Amino acid sequence: MKDRKTMSSSVRFKIGLILPFLVLVCLFTAFWATSTLTTPIAVHQDTKMPPQGDFEFFYLAHTVISTVNIILLIALLFIFINVYKKTRSEFSFGLIIFGIAFLLKDITASPFMANAFSFYASGLGPFIVLPDLFEFAILTILLYLHIKY
């Protein structure tokens, strides 16, 4: 019973360290995105731009969530590499490959990367955010399971 109580406080401590860090990353990314990313101006008069308020909100949400996903993936990669060093399991090696693939996807799909090469999202509305939200949920569950066990 005492061991279980100790493990529970250890899990709470780890979550207590990770959660404020992720909140700070979210706030910093939101501030940075609002100050550096610009909304494109329609080139032609017949080009229909989405409503600016909605567009900016979804683009900002996409920026914040994709940045948090990158941070979560880096943390999970460190965990997977440590587990692989200890066990030399093929499954752990597969998780490392999985993590690297998702990390490369998130880096290349980041609005900061697109903006650096002068590309902009347009007209996707909430569909630009949904894949990142699903990925965030999956990565959070993976991190929670590792912390818990």
Foldseek 3Di string as FASTA:
>chain_A
DVVVVVLVVQLVVVCVVVVVVLVVLLVVQLVVCVVPPDDDDDPDPPDDFDPPVQQVVLLSLLQSLLSSLLVLLVVVLVVLVVVCVVPVDPVSVVVNVVSVVVNVVSVCLHPVNCVVVPHDDTDPGNVSNVVSVVSSVVSVVVVSVVSSD
